[in-house]
Amino acid sequence: MAAGGGCGETVDQYRAEVERLTRELAEANREKIRAAECGLVVLEENQTLKQQYSDLEVEQETLKHELEQLQEGLRSKHWLELSVKSGQVDCRVLFTTPQKEIALCQKTLAVPGNGGFGM
């Protein structure tokens, strides 16, 4: 009977080991599922960041183009700085065409008492 009793203990040990391994396997599976869920969240965040980056690149290009247009517009205009010798008038005038600049200069030179500009 000792042999029979020894065999029963071995079966019980195997059952206990199988139950322990089953629990460990279930826990490992739960951890894998949690890791996979975290990975999906990271992938979604990555995709969102890539889209935001792409949107910012488009906005940057748009702003860059607008800046170039503004700079070109400023280069095509002429600036004239006038100052009266009395020191009380200092103005900067933006001219859209050279013709307007010439016309204002002629008017300024024709004004009497302009501090010597007409002489």
PDB file of N, CA and C in Angstrom:
ATOM      1  N   MET A   1       0.797  -1.176   0.000  1.00  0.00           N
ATOM      2  CA  MET A   1       0.000   0.000   0.000  1.00  0.00           C
ATOM      3  C   MET A   1       0.843   1.244   0.000  1.00  0.00           C
ATOM      4  N   ALA A   2       2.003   1.116   0.446  1.00  0.00           N
ATOM      5  CA  ALA A   2       2.879   2.271   0.472  1.00  0.00           C
ATOM      6  C   ALA A   2       3.112   2.772  -0.936  1.00  0.00           C
ATOM      7  N   ALA A   3       3.167   1.834  -1.876  1.00  0.00           N
ATOM      8  CA  ALA A   3       3.392   2.232  -3.259  1.00  0.00           C
ATOM      9  C   ALA A   3       2.190   2.981  -3.781  1.00  0.00           C
ATOM     10  N   GLY A   4       0.981   2.553  -3.417  1.00  0.00           N
ATOM     11  CA  GLY A   4      -0.233   3.229  -3.868  1.00  0.00           C
ATOM     12  C   GLY A   4      -0.349   4.609  -3.264  1.00  0.00           C
ATOM     13  N   GLY A   5      -0.002   4.732  -1.997  1.00  0.00           N
ATOM     14  CA  GLY A   5      -0.065   6.030  -1.330  1.00  0.00           C
ATOM     15  C   GLY A   5       0.944   6.989  -1.913  1.00  0.00           C
ATOM     16  N   GLY A   6       2.079   6.479  -2.304  1.00  0.00           N
ATOM     17  CA  GLY A   6       3.117   7.325  -2.891  1.00  0.00           C
ATOM     18  C   GLY A   6       2.713   7.835  -4.252  1.00  0.00           C
ATOM     19  N   CYS A   7       1.982   7.053  -4.979  1.00  0.00           N
ATOM     20  CA  CYS A   7       1.539   7.435  -6.311  1.00  0.00           C
ATOM     21  C   CYS A   7       0.485   8.523  -6.211  1.00  0.00           C
ATOM     22  N   GLY A   8      -0.398   8.444  -5.211  1.00  0.00           N
ATOM     23  CA  GLY A   8      -1.441   9.450  -5.011  1.00  0.00           C
ATOM     24  C   GLY A   8      -0.841  10.797  -4.659  1.00  0.00           C
ATOM     25  N   GLU A   9       0.211  10.772  -3.874  1.00  0.00           N
ATOM     26  CA  GLU A   9       0.887  12.025  -3.522  1.00  0.00           C
ATOM     27  C   GLU A   9       1.509  12.648  -4.761  1.00  0.00           C
ATOM     28  N   THR A  10       2.050  11.847  -5.634  1.00  0.00           N
ATOM     29  CA  THR A  10       2.666  12.353  -6.853  1.00  0.00           C
ATOM     30  C   THR A  10       1.619  12.980  -7.742  1.00  0.00           C
ATOM     31  N   VAL A  11       0.440  12.357  -7.860  1.00  0.00           N
ATOM     32  CA  VAL A  11      -0.636  12.905  -8.673  1.00  0.00           C
ATOM     33  C   VAL A  11      -1.086  14.234  -8.081  1.00  0.00           C
ATOM     34  N   ASP A  12      -1.218  14.293  -6.763  1.00  0.00           N
ATOM     35  CA  ASP A  12      -1.609  15.546  -6.112  1.00  0.00           C
ATOM     36  C   ASP A  12      -0.557  16.632  -6.343  1.00  0.00           C
ATOM     37  N   GLN A  13       0.685  16.250  -6.297  1.00  0.00           N
ATOM     38  CA  GLN A  13       1.762  17.217  -6.549  1.00  0.00           C
ATOM     39  C   GLN A  13       1.686  17.752  -7.983  1.00  0.00           C
ATOM     40  N   TYR A  14       1.420  16.811  -8.907  1.00  0.00           N
ATOM     41  CA  TYR A  14       1.301  17.226 -10.311  1.00  0.00           C
ATOM     42  C   TYR A  14       0.109  18.161 -10.515  1.00  0.00           C
ATOM     43  N   ARG A  15      -0.995  17.838  -9.872  1.00  0.00           N
ATOM     44  CA  ARG A  15      -2.175  18.696  -9.977  1.00  0.00           C
ATOM     45  C   ARG A  15      -1.879  20.092  -9.406  1.00  0.00           C
ATOM     46  N   ALA A  16      -1.237  20.136  -8.283  1.00  0.00           N
ATOM     47  CA  ALA A  16      -0.891  21.422  -7.660  1.00  0.00           C
ATOM     48  C   ALA A  16       0.053  22.211  -8.568  1.00  0.00           C
ATOM     49  N   GLU A  17       1.011  21.496  -9.153  1.00  0.00           N
ATOM     50  CA  GLU A  17       1.958  22.166 -10.060  1.00  0.00           C
ATOM     51  C   GLU A  17       1.235  22.685 -11.303  1.00  0.00           C
ATOM     52  N   VAL A  18       0.298  21.882 -11.837  1.00  0.00           N
ATOM     53  CA  VAL A  18      -0.477  22.299 -13.017  1.00  0.00           C
ATOM     54  C   VAL A  18      -1.320  23.532 -12.656  1.00  0.00           C
ATOM     55  N   GLU A  19      -1.937  23.545 -11.494  1.00  0.00           N
ATOM     56  CA  GLU A  19      -2.740  24.693 -11.067  1.00  0.00           C
ATOM     57  C   GLU A  19      -1.864  25.946 -10.912  1.00  0.00           C
ATOM     58  N   ARG A  20      -0.700  25.771 -10.308  1.00  0.00           N
ATOM     59  CA  ARG A  20       0.234  26.898 -10.140  1.00  0.00           C
ATOM     60  C   ARG A  20       0.670  27.439 -11.499  1.00  0.00           C
ATOM     61  N   LEU A  21       1.023  26.555 -12.412  1.00  0.00           N
ATOM     62  CA  LEU A  21       1.447  26.966 -13.746  1.00  0.00           C
ATOM     63  C   LEU A  21       0.292  27.623 -14.512  1.00  0.00           C
ATOM     64  N   THR A  22      -0.915  27.145 -14.319  1.00  0.00           N
ATOM     65  CA  THR A  22      -2.100  27.731 -14.961  1.00  0.00           C
ATOM     66  C   THR A  22      -2.298  29.169 -14.464  1.00  0.00           C
ATOM     67  N   ARG A  23      -2.151  29.379 -13.151  1.00  0.00           N
ATOM     68  CA  ARG A  23      -2.283  30.733 -12.592  1.00  0.00           C
ATOM     69  C   ARG A  23      -1.190  31.653 -13.143  1.00  0.00           C
ATOM     70  N   GLU A  24       0.030  31.149 -13.184  1.00  0.00           N
ATOM     71  CA  GLU A  24       1.137  31.955 -13.707  1.00  0.00           C
ATOM     72  C   GLU A  24       0.917  32.299 -15.181  1.00  0.00           C
ATOM     73  N   LEU A  25       0.421  31.327 -15.945  1.00  0.00           N
ATOM     74  CA  LEU A  25       0.139  31.554 -17.360  1.00  0.00           C
ATOM     75  C   LEU A  25      -0.958  32.609 -17.526  1.00  0.00           C
ATOM     76  N   ALA A  26      -1.996  32.515 -16.694  1.00  0.00           N
ATOM     77  CA  ALA A  26      -3.083  33.503 -16.760  1.00  0.00           C
ATOM     78  C   ALA A  26      -2.549  34.893 -16.422  1.00  0.00           C
ATOM     79  N   GLU A  27      -1.721  34.995 -15.409  1.00  0.00           N
ATOM     80  CA  GLU A  27      -1.128  36.294 -15.037  1.00  0.00           C
ATOM     81  C   GLU A  27      -0.235  36.822 -16.155  1.00  0.00           C
ATOM     82  N   ALA A  28       0.554  35.951 -16.757  1.00  0.00           N
ATOM     83  CA  ALA A  28       1.421  36.370 -17.873  1.00  0.00           C
ATOM     84  C   ALA A  28       0.580  36.859 -19.052  1.00  0.00           C
ATOM     85  N   ASN A  29      -0.533  36.190 -19.319  1.00  0.00           N
ATOM     86  CA  ASN A  29      -1.431  36.615 -20.398  1.00  0.00           C
ATOM     87  C   ASN A  29      -2.044  37.983 -20.094  1.00  0.00           C
ATOM     88  N   ARG A  30      -2.448  38.188 -18.823  1.00  0.00           N
ATOM     89  CA  ARG A  30      -2.997  39.498 -18.443  1.00  0.00           C
ATOM     90  C   ARG A  30      -1.947  40.600 -18.623  1.00  0.00           C
ATOM     91  N   GLU A  31      -0.715  40.310 -18.265  1.00  0.00           N
ATOM     92  CA  GLU A  31       0.360  41.289 -18.429  1.00  0.00           C
ATOM     93  C   GLU A  31       0.607  41.588 -19.908  1.00  0.00           C
ATOM     94  N   LYS A  32       0.543  40.561 -20.745  1.00  0.00           N
ATOM     95  CA  LYS A  32       0.708  40.762 -22.186  1.00  0.00           C
ATOM     96  C   LYS A  32      -0.413  41.642 -22.745  1.00  0.00           C
ATOM     97  N   ILE A  33      -1.630  41.395 -22.271  1.00  0.00           N
ATOM     98  CA  ILE A  33      -2.767  42.197 -22.729  1.00  0.00           C
ATOM     99  C   ILE A  33      -2.591  43.653 -22.298  1.00  0.00           C
ATOM    100  N   ARG A  34      -2.175  43.881 -21.055  1.00  0.00           N
ATOM    101  CA  ARG A  34      -1.929  45.255 -20.577  1.00  0.00           C
ATOM    102  C   ARG A  34      -0.828  45.918 -21.399  1.00  0.00           C
ATOM    103  N   ALA A  35       0.223  45.182 -21.688  1.00  0.00           N
ATOM    104  CA  ALA A  35       1.323  45.728 -22.490  1.00  0.00           C
ATOM    105  C   ALA A  35       0.845  46.071 -23.901  1.00  0.00           C
ATOM    106  N   ALA A  36       0.022  45.204 -24.464  1.00  0.00           N
ATOM    107  CA  ALA A  36      -0.508  45.460 -25.810  1.00  0.00           C
ATOM    108  C   ALA A  36      -1.400  46.696 -25.802  1.00  0.00           C
ATOM    109  N   GLU A  37      -2.224  46.859 -24.768  1.00  0.00           N
ATOM    110  CA  GLU A  37      -3.081  48.044 -24.658  1.00  0.00           C
ATOM    111  C   GLU A  37      -2.243  49.312 -24.546  1.00  0.00           C
ATOM    112  N   CYS A  38      -1.195  49.240 -23.738  1.00  0.00           N
ATOM    113  CA  CYS A  38      -0.291  50.394 -23.609  1.00  0.00           C
ATOM    114  C   CYS A  38       0.380  50.693 -24.948  1.00  0.00           C
ATOM    115  N   GLY A  39       0.769  49.666 -25.650  1.00  0.00           N
ATOM    116  CA  GLY A  39       1.386  49.845 -26.963  1.00  0.00           C
ATOM    117  C   GLY A  39       0.445  50.522 -27.938  1.00  0.00           C
ATOM    118  N   LEU A  40      -0.829  50.148 -27.894  1.00  0.00           N
ATOM    119  CA  LEU A  40      -1.823  50.788 -28.763  1.00  0.00           C
ATOM    120  C   LEU A  40      -1.989  52.258 -28.420  1.00  0.00           C
ATOM    121  N   VAL A  41      -1.989  52.576 -27.132  1.00  0.00           N
ATOM    122  CA  VAL A  41      -2.095  53.977 -26.712  1.00  0.00           C
ATOM    123  C   VAL A  41      -0.895  54.761 -27.229  1.00  0.00           C
ATOM    124  N   VAL A  42       0.288  54.179 -27.110  1.00  0.00           N
ATOM    125  CA  VAL A  42       1.493  54.845 -27.598  1.00  0.00           C
ATOM    126  C   VAL A  42       1.425  55.062 -29.106  1.00  0.00           C
ATOM    127  N   LEU A  43       0.962  54.056 -29.835  1.00  0.00           N
ATOM    128  CA  LEU A  43       0.831  54.189 -31.287  1.00  0.00           C
ATOM    129  C   LEU A  43      -0.171  55.277 -31.659  1.00  0.00           C
ATOM    130  N   GLU A  44      -1.287  55.349 -30.941  1.00  0.00           N
ATOM    131  CA  GLU A  44      -2.283  56.390 -31.201  1.00  0.00           C
ATOM    132  C   GLU A  44      -1.700  57.779 -30.924  1.00  0.00           C
ATOM    133  N   GLU A  45      -0.989  57.914 -29.800  1.00  0.00           N
ATOM    134  CA  GLU A  45      -0.356  59.193 -29.469  1.00  0.00           C
ATOM    135  C   GLU A  45       0.691  59.562 -30.519  1.00  0.00           C
ATOM    136  N   ASN A  46       1.435  58.582 -30.964  1.00  0.00           N
ATOM    137  CA  ASN A  46       2.446  58.809 -31.994  1.00  0.00           C
ATOM    138  C   ASN A  46       1.791  59.311 -33.279  1.00  0.00           C
ATOM    139  N   GLN A  47       0.688  58.689 -33.661  1.00  0.00           N
ATOM    140  CA  GLN A  47      -0.028  59.103 -34.867  1.00  0.00           C
ATOM    141  C   GLN A  47      -0.557  60.530 -34.712  1.00  0.00           C
ATOM    142  N   THR A  48      -1.090  60.846 -33.545  1.00  0.00           N
ATOM    143  CA  THR A  48      -1.591  62.197 -33.282  1.00  0.00           C
ATOM    144  C   THR A  48      -0.455  63.210 -33.374  1.00  0.00           C
ATOM    145  N   LEU A  49       0.686  62.888 -32.789  1.00  0.00           N
ATOM    146  CA  LEU A  49       1.837  63.794 -32.840  1.00  0.00           C
ATOM    147  C   LEU A  49       2.344  63.973 -34.267  1.00  0.00           C
ATOM    148  N   LYS A  50       2.354  62.904 -35.043  1.00  0.00           N
ATOM    149  CA  LYS A  50       2.775  63.009 -36.443  1.00  0.00           C
ATOM    150  C   LYS A  50       1.837  63.921 -37.218  1.00  0.00           C
ATOM    151  N   GLN A  51       0.535  63.817 -36.952  1.00  0.00           N
ATOM    152  CA  GLN A  51      -0.442  64.669 -37.635  1.00  0.00           C
ATOM    153  C   GLN A  51      -0.264  66.124 -37.220  1.00  0.00           C
ATOM    154  N   GLN A  52      -0.041  66.348 -35.930  1.00  0.00           N
ATOM    155  CA  GLN A  52       0.193  67.720 -35.454  1.00  0.00           C
ATOM    156  C   GLN A  52       1.460  68.287 -36.082  1.00  0.00           C
ATOM    157  N   TYR A  53       2.492  67.483 -36.172  1.00  0.00           N
ATOM    158  CA  TYR A  53       3.748  67.919 -36.784  1.00  0.00           C
ATOM    159  C   TYR A  53       3.526  68.287 -38.251  1.00  0.00           C
ATOM    160  N   SER A  54       2.778  67.443 -38.946  1.00  0.00           N
ATOM    161  CA  SER A  54       2.479  67.707 -40.350  1.00  0.00           C
ATOM    162  C   SER A  54       1.688  69.003 -40.500  1.00  0.00           C
ATOM    163  N   ASP A  55       0.699  69.195 -39.637  1.00  0.00           N
ATOM    164  CA  ASP A  55      -0.094  70.432 -39.669  1.00  0.00           C
ATOM    165  C   ASP A  55       0.791  71.650 -39.417  1.00  0.00           C
ATOM    166  N   LEU A  56       1.709  71.532 -38.464  1.00  0.00           N
ATOM    167  CA  LEU A  56       2.619  72.645 -38.166  1.00  0.00           C
ATOM    168  C   LEU A  56       3.560  72.935 -39.334  1.00  0.00           C
ATOM    169  N   GLU A  57       4.005  71.890 -40.020  1.00  0.00           N
ATOM    170  CA  GLU A  57       4.856  72.095 -41.190  1.00  0.00           C
ATOM    171  C   GLU A  57       4.103  72.858 -42.281  1.00  0.00           C
ATOM    172  N   VAL A  58       2.829  72.490 -42.493  1.00  0.00           N
ATOM    173  CA  VAL A  58       2.013  73.182 -43.493  1.00  0.00           C
ATOM    174  C   VAL A  58       1.831  74.645 -43.084  1.00  0.00           C
ATOM    175  N   GLU A  59       1.533  74.869 -41.809  1.00  0.00           N
ATOM    176  CA  GLU A  59       1.361  76.240 -41.317  1.00  0.00           C
ATOM    177  C   GLU A  59       2.656  77.035 -41.452  1.00  0.00           C
ATOM    178  N   GLN A  60       3.794  76.387 -41.158  1.00  0.00           N
ATOM    179  CA  GLN A  60       5.086  77.054 -41.299  1.00  0.00           C
ATOM    180  C   GLN A  60       5.323  77.466 -42.744  1.00  0.00           C
ATOM    181  N   GLU A  61       5.034  76.571 -43.679  1.00  0.00           N
ATOM    182  CA  GLU A  61       5.226  76.891 -45.090  1.00  0.00           C
ATOM    183  C   GLU A  61       4.322  78.043 -45.520  1.00  0.00           C
ATOM    184  N   THR A  62       3.087  78.036 -45.021  1.00  0.00           N
ATOM    185  CA  THR A  62       2.157  79.120 -45.343  1.00  0.00           C
ATOM    186  C   THR A  62       2.688  80.447 -44.807  1.00  0.00           C
ATOM    187  N   LEU A  63       3.130  80.446 -43.555  1.00  0.00           N
ATOM    188  CA  LEU A  63       3.662  81.673 -42.950  1.00  0.00           C
ATOM    189  C   LEU A  63       4.947  82.121 -43.645  1.00  0.00           C
ATOM    190  N   LYS A  64       5.761  81.175 -44.030  1.00  0.00           N
ATOM    191  CA  LYS A  64       6.999  81.493 -44.735  1.00  0.00           C
ATOM    192  C   LYS A  64       6.680  82.171 -46.075  1.00  0.00           C
ATOM    193  N   HIS A  65       5.686  81.635 -46.765  1.00  0.00           N
ATOM    194  CA  HIS A  65       5.274  82.208 -48.048  1.00  0.00           C
ATOM    195  C   HIS A  65       4.714  83.623 -47.840  1.00  0.00           C
ATOM    196  N   GLU A  66       3.883  83.798 -46.799  1.00  0.00           N
ATOM    197  CA  GLU A  66       3.338  85.119 -46.506  1.00  0.00           C
ATOM    198  C   GLU A  66       4.451  86.112 -46.180  1.00  0.00           C
ATOM    199  N   LEU A  67       5.439  85.669 -45.396  1.00  0.00           N
ATOM    200  CA  LEU A  67       6.562  86.529 -45.047  1.00  0.00           C
ATOM    201  C   LEU A  67       7.340  86.940 -46.293  1.00  0.00           C
ATOM    202  N   GLU A  68       7.577  85.983 -47.175  1.00  0.00           N
ATOM    203  CA  GLU A  68       8.289  86.301 -48.418  1.00  0.00           C
ATOM    204  C   GLU A  68       7.507  87.323 -49.241  1.00  0.00           C
ATOM    205  N   GLN A  69       6.178  87.172 -49.278  1.00  0.00           N
ATOM    206  CA  GLN A  69       5.366  88.134 -50.020  1.00  0.00           C
ATOM    207  C   GLN A  69       5.441  89.517 -49.385  1.00  0.00           C
ATOM    208  N   LEU A  70       5.393  89.575 -48.063  1.00  0.00           N
ATOM    209  CA  LEU A  70       5.491  90.864 -47.373  1.00  0.00           C
ATOM    210  C   LEU A  70       6.861  91.507 -47.601  1.00  0.00           C
ATOM    211  N   GLN A  71       7.905  90.682 -47.519  1.00  0.00           N
ATOM    212  CA  GLN A  71       9.246  91.224 -47.746  1.00  0.00           C
ATOM    213  C   GLN A  71       9.385  91.736 -49.168  1.00  0.00           C
ATOM    214  N   GLU A  72       8.837  91.012 -50.114  1.00  0.00           N
ATOM    215  CA  GLU A  72       8.895  91.461 -51.510  1.00  0.00           C
ATOM    216  C   GLU A  72       8.109  92.753 -51.671  1.00  0.00           C
ATOM    217  N   GLY A  73       6.955  92.830 -51.007  1.00  0.00           N
ATOM    218  CA  GLY A  73       6.163  94.050 -51.066  1.00  0.00           C
ATOM    219  C   GLY A  73       6.917  95.239 -50.502  1.00  0.00           C
ATOM    220  N   LEU A  74       7.632  95.027 -49.417  1.00  0.00           N
ATOM    221  CA  LEU A  74       8.411  96.114 -48.830  1.00  0.00           C
ATOM    222  C   LEU A  74       9.582  96.513 -49.729  1.00  0.00           C
ATOM    223  N   ARG A  75      10.176  95.528 -50.382  1.00  0.00           N
ATOM    224  CA  ARG A  75      11.298  95.845 -51.281  1.00  0.00           C
ATOM    225  C   ARG A  75      10.813  96.652 -52.483  1.00  0.00           C
ATOM    226  N   SER A  76       9.555  96.467 -52.864  1.00  0.00           N
ATOM    227  CA  SER A  76       9.058  97.165 -54.042  1.00  0.00           C
ATOM    228  C   SER A  76       8.592  98.583 -53.706  1.00  0.00           C
ATOM    229  N   LYS A  77       8.547  98.924 -52.455  1.00  0.00           N
ATOM    230  CA  LYS A  77       8.126 100.258 -52.046  1.00  0.00           C
ATOM    231  C   LYS A  77       9.358 101.102 -51.732  1.00  0.00           C
ATOM    232  N   HIS A  78       9.169 102.392 -51.752  1.00  0.00           N
ATOM    233  CA  HIS A  78      10.280 103.297 -51.497  1.00  0.00           C
ATOM    234  C   HIS A  78       9.998 104.078 -50.222  1.00  0.00           C
ATOM    235  N   TRP A  79      11.032 104.306 -49.463  1.00  0.00           N
ATOM    236  CA  TRP A  79      10.904 105.057 -48.217  1.00  0.00           C
ATOM    237  C   TRP A  79      11.618 106.390 -48.386  1.00  0.00           C
ATOM    238  N   LEU A  80      11.025 107.387 -47.829  1.00  0.00           N
ATOM    239  CA  LEU A  80      11.650 108.709 -47.836  1.00  0.00           C
ATOM    240  C   LEU A  80      11.564 109.258 -46.436  1.00  0.00           C
ATOM    241  N   GLU A  81      12.651 109.754 -45.941  1.00  0.00           N
ATOM    242  CA  GLU A  81      12.660 110.340 -44.613  1.00  0.00           C
ATOM    243  C   GLU A  81      12.908 111.829 -44.745  1.00  0.00           C
ATOM    244  N   LEU A  82      12.000 112.579 -44.204  1.00  0.00           N
ATOM    245  CA  LEU A  82      12.106 114.026 -44.251  1.00  0.00           C
ATOM    246  C   LEU A  82      12.341 114.549 -42.855  1.00  0.00           C
ATOM    247  N   SER A  83      13.152 115.543 -42.725  1.00  0.00           N
ATOM    248  CA  SER A  83      13.253 116.209 -41.437  1.00  0.00           C
ATOM    249  C   SER A  83      13.429 117.695 -41.693  1.00  0.00           C
ATOM    250  N   VAL A  84      12.677 118.462 -40.972  1.00  0.00           N
ATOM    251  CA  VAL A  84      12.750 119.914 -41.098  1.00  0.00           C
ATOM    252  C   VAL A  84      13.867 120.384 -40.196  1.00  0.00           C
ATOM    253  N   LYS A  85      14.593 121.402 -40.635  1.00  0.00           N
ATOM    254  CA  LYS A  85      15.773 121.844 -39.903  1.00  0.00           C
ATOM    255  C   LYS A  85      15.437 122.359 -38.519  1.00  0.00           C
ATOM    256  N   SER A  86      14.206 122.759 -38.294  1.00  0.00           N
ATOM    257  CA  SER A  86      13.849 123.227 -36.961  1.00  0.00           C
ATOM    258  C   SER A  86      13.868 122.083 -35.952  1.00  0.00           C
ATOM    259  N   GLY A  87      13.909 120.876 -36.434  1.00  0.00           N
ATOM    260  CA  GLY A  87      13.997 119.717 -35.553  1.00  0.00           C
ATOM    261  C   GLY A  87      12.658 119.287 -35.004  1.00  0.00           C
ATOM    262  N   GLN A  88      11.605 119.983 -35.349  1.00  0.00           N
ATOM    263  CA  GLN A  88      10.305 119.633 -34.801  1.00  0.00           C
ATOM    264  C   GLN A  88       9.579 118.593 -35.649  1.00  0.00           C
ATOM    265  N   VAL A  89       9.955 118.452 -36.879  1.00  0.00           N
ATOM    266  CA  VAL A  89       9.257 117.510 -37.749  1.00  0.00           C
ATOM    267  C   VAL A  89      10.239 116.439 -38.206  1.00  0.00           C
ATOM    268  N   ASP A  90       9.883 115.225 -37.951  1.00  0.00           N
ATOM    269  CA  ASP A  90      10.665 114.083 -38.437  1.00  0.00           C
ATOM    270  C   ASP A  90       9.643 113.049 -38.872  1.00  0.00           C
ATOM    271  N   CYS A  91       9.524 112.867 -40.139  1.00  0.00           N
ATOM    272  CA  CYS A  91       8.508 111.922 -40.597  1.00  0.00           C
ATOM    273  C   CYS A  91       9.105 110.955 -41.589  1.00  0.00           C
ATOM    274  N   ARG A  92       8.526 109.808 -41.600  1.00  0.00           N
ATOM    275  CA  ARG A  92       8.921 108.788 -42.563  1.00  0.00           C
ATOM    276  C   ARG A  92       7.684 108.483 -43.377  1.00  0.00           C
ATOM    277  N   VAL A  93       7.826 108.525 -44.652  1.00  0.00           N
ATOM    278  CA  VAL A  93       6.688 108.346 -45.534  1.00  0.00           C
ATOM    279  C   VAL A  93       6.931 107.119 -46.397  1.00  0.00           C
ATOM    280  N   LEU A  94       5.928 106.296 -46.493  1.00  0.00           N
ATOM    281  CA  LEU A  94       6.005 105.103 -47.334  1.00  0.00           C
ATOM    282  C   LEU A  94       5.367 105.431 -48.673  1.00  0.00           C
ATOM    283  N   PHE A  95       6.123 105.222 -49.733  1.00  0.00           N
ATOM    284  CA  PHE A  95       5.617 105.493 -51.074  1.00  0.00           C
ATOM    285  C   PHE A  95       5.415 104.181 -51.798  1.00  0.00           C
ATOM    286  N   THR A  96       4.287 104.068 -52.453  1.00  0.00           N
ATOM    287  CA  THR A  96       4.012 102.828 -53.171  1.00  0.00           C
ATOM    288  C   THR A  96       4.643 102.848 -54.553  1.00  0.00           C
ATOM    289  N   THR A  97       4.924 104.029 -55.073  1.00  0.00           N
ATOM    290  CA  THR A  97       5.569 104.113 -56.379  1.00  0.00           C
ATOM    291  C   THR A  97       6.582 105.250 -56.360  1.00  0.00           C
ATOM    292  N   PRO A  98       7.582 105.181 -57.188  1.00  0.00           N
ATOM    293  CA  PRO A  98       8.549 106.282 -57.256  1.00  0.00           C
ATOM    294  C   PRO A  98       7.881 107.587 -57.697  1.00  0.00           C
ATOM    295  N   GLN A  99       6.825 107.517 -58.476  1.00  0.00           N
ATOM    296  CA  GLN A  99       6.153 108.727 -58.935  1.00  0.00           C
ATOM    297  C   GLN A  99       5.555 109.488 -57.748  1.00  0.00           C
ATOM    298  N   LYS A 100       4.976 108.788 -56.806  1.00  0.00           N
ATOM    299  CA  LYS A 100       4.422 109.447 -55.622  1.00  0.00           C
ATOM    300  C   LYS A 100       5.545 110.090 -54.806  1.00  0.00           C
ATOM    301  N   GLU A 101       6.671 109.418 -54.730  1.00  0.00           N
ATOM    302  CA  GLU A 101       7.810 109.964 -54.002  1.00  0.00           C
ATOM    303  C   GLU A 101       8.264 111.263 -54.646  1.00  0.00           C
ATOM    304  N   ILE A 102       8.384 111.276 -55.940  1.00  0.00           N
ATOM    305  CA  ILE A 102       8.819 112.476 -56.667  1.00  0.00           C
ATOM    306  C   ILE A 102       7.807 113.600 -56.476  1.00  0.00           C
ATOM    307  N   ALA A 103       6.518 113.265 -56.571  1.00  0.00           N
ATOM    308  CA  ALA A 103       5.478 114.282 -56.420  1.00  0.00           C
ATOM    309  C   ALA A 103       5.528 114.906 -55.034  1.00  0.00           C
ATOM    310  N   LEU A 104       5.706 114.104 -53.992  1.00  0.00           N
ATOM    311  CA  LEU A 104       5.762 114.666 -52.647  1.00  0.00           C
ATOM    312  C   LEU A 104       7.016 115.500 -52.461  1.00  0.00           C
ATOM    313  N   CYS A 105       8.113 115.043 -52.989  1.00  0.00           N
ATOM    314  CA  CYS A 105       9.343 115.829 -52.888  1.00  0.00           C
ATOM    315  C   CYS A 105       9.172 117.187 -53.570  1.00  0.00           C
ATOM    316  N   GLN A 106       8.534 117.204 -54.709  1.00  0.00           N
ATOM    317  CA  GLN A 106       8.307 118.464 -55.427  1.00  0.00           C
ATOM    318  C   GLN A 106       7.404 119.376 -54.609  1.00  0.00           C
ATOM    319  N   LYS A 107       6.357 118.814 -53.993  1.00  0.00           N
ATOM    320  CA  LYS A 107       5.465 119.610 -53.155  1.00  0.00           C
ATOM    321  C   LYS A 107       6.224 120.147 -51.949  1.00  0.00           C
ATOM    322  N   THR A 108       7.057 119.312 -51.351  1.00  0.00           N
ATOM    323  CA  THR A 108       7.813 119.728 -50.178  1.00  0.00           C
ATOM    324  C   THR A 108       8.766 120.853 -50.540  1.00  0.00           C
ATOM    325  N   LEU A 109       9.406 120.750 -51.672  1.00  0.00           N
ATOM    326  CA  LEU A 109      10.357 121.777 -52.092  1.00  0.00           C
ATOM    327  C   LEU A 109       9.647 123.086 -52.421  1.00  0.00           C
ATOM    328  N   ALA A 110       8.405 123.020 -52.803  1.00  0.00           N
ATOM    329  CA  ALA A 110       7.664 124.215 -53.208  1.00  0.00           C
ATOM    330  C   ALA A 110       7.056 124.943 -51.996  1.00  0.00           C
ATOM    331  N   VAL A 111       7.013 124.316 -50.831  1.00  0.00           N
ATOM    332  CA  VAL A 111       6.387 124.941 -49.655  1.00  0.00           C
ATOM    333  C   VAL A 111       7.302 126.020 -49.118  1.00  0.00           C
ATOM    334  N   PRO A 112       6.801 127.266 -48.971  1.00  0.00           N
ATOM    335  CA  PRO A 112       7.633 128.330 -48.424  1.00  0.00           C
ATOM    336  C   PRO A 112       7.859 128.101 -46.924  1.00  0.00           C
ATOM    337  N   GLY A 113       9.031 128.447 -46.459  1.00  0.00           N
ATOM    338  CA  GLY A 113       9.361 128.316 -45.040  1.00  0.00           C
ATOM    339  C   GLY A 113       9.558 126.882 -44.609  1.00  0.00           C
ATOM    340  N   ASN A 114      10.015 126.032 -45.502  1.00  0.00           N
ATOM    341  CA  ASN A 114      10.189 124.635 -45.148  1.00  0.00           C
ATOM    342  C   ASN A 114      11.583 124.343 -44.619  1.00  0.00           C
ATOM    343  N   GLY A 115      12.237 125.344 -44.149  1.00  0.00           N
ATOM    344  CA  GLY A 115      13.541 125.136 -43.545  1.00  0.00           C
ATOM    345  C   GLY A 115      14.641 125.079 -44.555  1.00  0.00           C
ATOM    346  N   GLY A 116      14.447 125.615 -45.744  1.00  0.00           N
ATOM    347  CA  GLY A 116      15.520 125.668 -46.711  1.00  0.00           C
ATOM    348  C   GLY A 116      15.482 124.562 -47.712  1.00  0.00           C
ATOM    349  N   PHE A 117      14.445 123.733 -47.733  1.00  0.00           N
ATOM    350  CA  PHE A 117      14.398 122.641 -48.700  1.00  0.00           C
ATOM    351  C   PHE A 117      14.256 123.143 -50.117  1.00  0.00           C
ATOM    352  N   GLY A 118      13.563 124.256 -50.305  1.00  0.00           N
ATOM    353  CA  GLY A 118      13.298 124.733 -51.659  1.00  0.00           C
ATOM    354  C   GLY A 118      14.436 125.535 -52.210  1.00  0.00           C
ATOM    355  N   MET A 119      15.410 125.855 -51.467  1.00  0.00           N
ATOM    356  CA  MET A 119      16.481 126.729 -51.923  1.00  0.00           C
ATOM    357  C   MET A 119      17.696 125.991 -52.323  1.00  0.00           C
TER     358      MET A 119
END
